Amino acid sequence: MTSVSFEKDIAPLFSQFRASMMWRLDLTKYEDVKVNAQTIFSQISTQQMPPSPYPSLTKEQVAAFAAWMKQGYPA
Protein backbone atom coordinates (compact mmCIF):
# COMPACT_ATOMS: atom_id res chain seq x y z
CA MET A 1 0.00 0.00 0.00
CA THR A 2 1.12 3.52 -0.69
CA SER A 3 1.78 6.10 1.98
CA VAL A 4 -1.20 6.70 4.26
CA SER A 5 -1.79 9.88 6.25
CA PHE A 6 -4.25 10.76 8.96
CA GLU A 7 -5.59 13.88 7.26
CA LYS A 8 -5.96 12.36 3.80
CA ASP A 9 -6.97 8.78 4.58
CA ILE A 10 -7.90 8.12 8.21
CA ALA A 11 -9.94 11.11 9.42
CA PRO A 12 -12.36 10.81 6.47
CA LEU A 13 -13.14 7.22 7.49
CA PHE A 14 -14.76 8.49 10.66
CA SER A 15 -15.91 12.00 9.74
CA GLN A 16 -18.91 10.54 7.89
CA PHE A 17 -20.32 9.42 11.26
CA ARG A 18 -19.47 12.54 13.24
CA ALA A 19 -22.82 14.35 13.04
CA SER A 20 -24.88 11.36 14.12
CA MET A 21 -22.76 9.70 16.82
CA MET A 22 -21.51 10.60 20.29
CA TRP A 23 -17.97 9.39 20.99
CA ARG A 24 -15.80 8.99 24.06
CA LEU A 25 -13.00 10.46 21.96
CA ASP A 26 -12.89 12.49 18.77
CA LEU A 27 -12.18 10.12 15.91
CA THR A 28 -11.37 13.05 13.64
CA LYS A 29 -8.57 14.33 15.91
CA TYR A 30 -5.11 12.95 15.22
CA GLU A 31 -3.94 12.65 18.83
CA ASP A 32 -7.13 10.92 20.00
CA VAL A 33 -6.96 8.35 17.23
CA LYS A 34 -3.20 7.80 17.54
CA VAL A 35 -3.37 7.16 21.29
CA ASN A 36 -6.30 4.76 20.84
CA ALA A 37 -5.26 3.22 17.50
CA GLN A 38 -4.91 -0.38 18.71
CA THR A 39 -8.35 -0.34 20.32
CA ILE A 40 -9.92 1.35 17.30
CA PHE A 41 -8.28 -1.17 14.97
CA SER A 42 -9.58 -4.04 17.07
CA GLN A 43 -13.09 -2.60 16.86
CA ILE A 44 -13.11 -1.86 13.12
CA SER A 45 -11.40 -5.12 12.13
CA THR A 46 -14.00 -7.20 13.99
CA GLN A 47 -16.84 -5.02 12.65
CA GLN A 48 -17.88 -3.91 16.15
CA MET A 49 -17.37 -0.32 15.08
CA PRO A 50 -19.17 1.59 13.75
CA PRO A 51 -22.23 0.25 15.53
CA SER A 52 -25.40 -0.81 13.80
CA PRO A 53 -27.19 0.55 11.77
CA TYR A 54 -24.04 2.04 10.22
CA PRO A 55 -22.19 -0.05 7.65
CA SER A 56 -18.90 -1.66 8.62
CA LEU A 57 -15.75 -0.24 7.13
CA THR A 58 -14.61 -2.02 3.99
CA LYS A 59 -11.63 -4.37 3.97
CA GLU A 60 -9.72 -1.67 2.08
CA GLN A 61 -10.53 0.94 4.74
CA VAL A 62 -9.45 -1.41 7.54
CA ALA A 63 -6.25 -2.17 5.60
CA ALA A 64 -5.58 1.56 5.24
CA PHE A 65 -5.93 1.99 9.01
CA ALA A 66 -3.53 -0.93 9.59
CA ALA A 67 -1.06 0.55 7.08
CA TRP A 68 -1.28 3.91 8.85
CA MET A 69 -0.30 2.25 12.14
CA LYS A 70 2.47 0.23 10.48
CA GLN A 71 3.86 3.38 8.84
CA GLY A 72 4.22 5.06 12.23
CA TYR A 73 0.98 7.11 12.37
CA PRO A 74 1.85 9.83 9.83
CA ALA A 75 -0.19 12.99 10.31
C-alpha atoms as a PDB file:
ATOM      1  CA  MET A   1       0.000   0.000   0.000  1.00  0.00           C
ATOM      2  CA  THR A   2       1.125   3.518  -0.687  1.00  0.00           C
ATOM      3  CA  SER A   3       1.780   6.104   1.976  1.00  0.00           C
ATOM      4  CA  VAL A   4      -1.200   6.698   4.259  1.00  0.00           C
ATOM      5  CA  SER A   5      -1.785   9.878   6.247  1.00  0.00           C
ATOM      6  CA  PHE A   6      -4.253  10.758   8.960  1.00  0.00           C
ATOM      7  CA  GLU A   7      -5.588  13.879   7.261  1.00  0.00           C
ATOM      8  CA  LYS A   8      -5.961  12.362   3.801  1.00  0.00           C
ATOM      9  CA  ASP A   9      -6.975   8.779   4.581  1.00  0.00           C
ATOM     10  CA  ILE A  10      -7.904   8.123   8.206  1.00  0.00           C
ATOM     11  CA  ALA A  11      -9.940  11.106   9.423  1.00  0.00           C
ATOM     12  CA  PRO A  12     -12.358  10.808   6.469  1.00  0.00           C
ATOM     13  CA  LEU A  13     -13.137   7.218   7.492  1.00  0.00           C
ATOM     14  CA  PHE A  14     -14.763   8.494  10.664  1.00  0.00           C
ATOM     15  CA  SER A  15     -15.913  11.998   9.743  1.00  0.00           C
ATOM     16  CA  GLN A  16     -18.906  10.537   7.890  1.00  0.00           C
ATOM     17  CA  PHE A  17     -20.315   9.419  11.263  1.00  0.00           C
ATOM     18  CA  ARG A  18     -19.469  12.539  13.236  1.00  0.00           C
ATOM     19  CA  ALA A  19     -22.824  14.346  13.043  1.00  0.00           C
ATOM     20  CA  SER A  20     -24.884  11.362  14.120  1.00  0.00           C
ATOM     21  CA  MET A  21     -22.761   9.698  16.823  1.00  0.00           C
ATOM     22  CA  MET A  22     -21.507  10.598  20.292  1.00  0.00           C
ATOM     23  CA  TRP A  23     -17.969   9.391  20.989  1.00  0.00           C
ATOM     24  CA  ARG A  24     -15.795   8.987  24.056  1.00  0.00           C
ATOM     25  CA  LEU A  25     -12.998  10.464  21.955  1.00  0.00           C
ATOM     26  CA  ASP A  26     -12.893  12.492  18.766  1.00  0.00           C
ATOM     27  CA  LEU A  27     -12.177  10.119  15.909  1.00  0.00           C
ATOM     28  CA  THR A  28     -11.370  13.046  13.638  1.00  0.00           C
ATOM     29  CA  LYS A  29      -8.566  14.325  15.911  1.00  0.00           C
ATOM     30  CA  TYR A  30      -5.113  12.954  15.221  1.00  0.00           C
ATOM     31  CA  GLU A  31      -3.945  12.655  18.831  1.00  0.00           C
ATOM     32  CA  ASP A  32      -7.133  10.916  20.003  1.00  0.00           C
ATOM     33  CA  VAL A  33      -6.957   8.352  17.229  1.00  0.00           C
ATOM     34  CA  LYS A  34      -3.196   7.798  17.536  1.00  0.00           C
ATOM     35  CA  VAL A  35      -3.375   7.165  21.288  1.00  0.00           C
ATOM     36  CA  ASN A  36      -6.299   4.757  20.836  1.00  0.00           C
ATOM     37  CA  ALA A  37      -5.256   3.223  17.498  1.00  0.00           C
ATOM     38  CA  GLN A  38      -4.911  -0.375  18.710  1.00  0.00           C
ATOM     39  CA  THR A  39      -8.351  -0.337  20.318  1.00  0.00           C
ATOM     40  CA  ILE A  40      -9.917   1.346  17.297  1.00  0.00           C
ATOM     41  CA  PHE A  41      -8.279  -1.169  14.969  1.00  0.00           C
ATOM     42  CA  SER A  42      -9.582  -4.035  17.074  1.00  0.00           C
ATOM     43  CA  GLN A  43     -13.092  -2.605  16.858  1.00  0.00           C
ATOM     44  CA  ILE A  44     -13.107  -1.863  13.125  1.00  0.00           C
ATOM     45  CA  SER A  45     -11.396  -5.120  12.133  1.00  0.00           C
ATOM     46  CA  THR A  46     -13.997  -7.199  13.993  1.00  0.00           C
ATOM     47  CA  GLN A  47     -16.840  -5.023  12.653  1.00  0.00           C
ATOM     48  CA  GLN A  48     -17.880  -3.913  16.154  1.00  0.00           C
ATOM     49  CA  MET A  49     -17.369  -0.322  15.077  1.00  0.00           C
ATOM     50  CA  PRO A  50     -19.173   1.590  13.752  1.00  0.00           C
ATOM     51  CA  PRO A  51     -22.231   0.245  15.529  1.00  0.00           C
ATOM     52  CA  SER A  52     -25.404  -0.813  13.803  1.00  0.00           C
ATOM     53  CA  PRO A  53     -27.192   0.546  11.767  1.00  0.00           C
ATOM     54  CA  TYR A  54     -24.044   2.044  10.216  1.00  0.00           C
ATOM     55  CA  PRO A  55     -22.194  -0.055   7.652  1.00  0.00           C
ATOM     56  CA  SER A  56     -18.897  -1.656   8.624  1.00  0.00           C
ATOM     57  CA  LEU A  57     -15.753  -0.238   7.125  1.00  0.00           C
ATOM     58  CA  THR A  58     -14.609  -2.023   3.989  1.00  0.00           C
ATOM     59  CA  LYS A  59     -11.625  -4.367   3.966  1.00  0.00           C
ATOM     60  CA  GLU A  60      -9.724  -1.671   2.081  1.00  0.00           C
ATOM     61  CA  GLN A  61     -10.525   0.938   4.742  1.00  0.00           C
ATOM     62  CA  VAL A  62      -9.448  -1.411   7.544  1.00  0.00           C
ATOM     63  CA  ALA A  63      -6.255  -2.174   5.595  1.00  0.00           C
ATOM     64  CA  ALA A  64      -5.585   1.559   5.240  1.00  0.00           C
ATOM     65  CA  PHE A  65      -5.927   1.985   9.012  1.00  0.00           C
ATOM     66  CA  ALA A  66      -3.534  -0.935   9.586  1.00  0.00           C
ATOM     67  CA  ALA A  67      -1.063   0.551   7.085  1.00  0.00           C
ATOM     68  CA  TRP A  68      -1.281   3.913   8.850  1.00  0.00           C
ATOM     69  CA  MET A  69      -0.303   2.255  12.139  1.00  0.00           C
ATOM     70  CA  LYS A  70       2.473   0.232  10.485  1.00  0.00           C
ATOM     71  CA  GLN A  71       3.856   3.383   8.841  1.00  0.00           C
ATOM     72  CA  GLY A  72       4.215   5.063  12.226  1.00  0.00           C
ATOM     73  CA  TYR A  73       0.980   7.109  12.372  1.00  0.00           C
ATOM     74  CA  PRO A  74       1.854   9.833   9.827  1.00  0.00           C
ATOM     75  CA  ALA A  75      -0.193  12.987  10.309  1.00  0.00           C
END
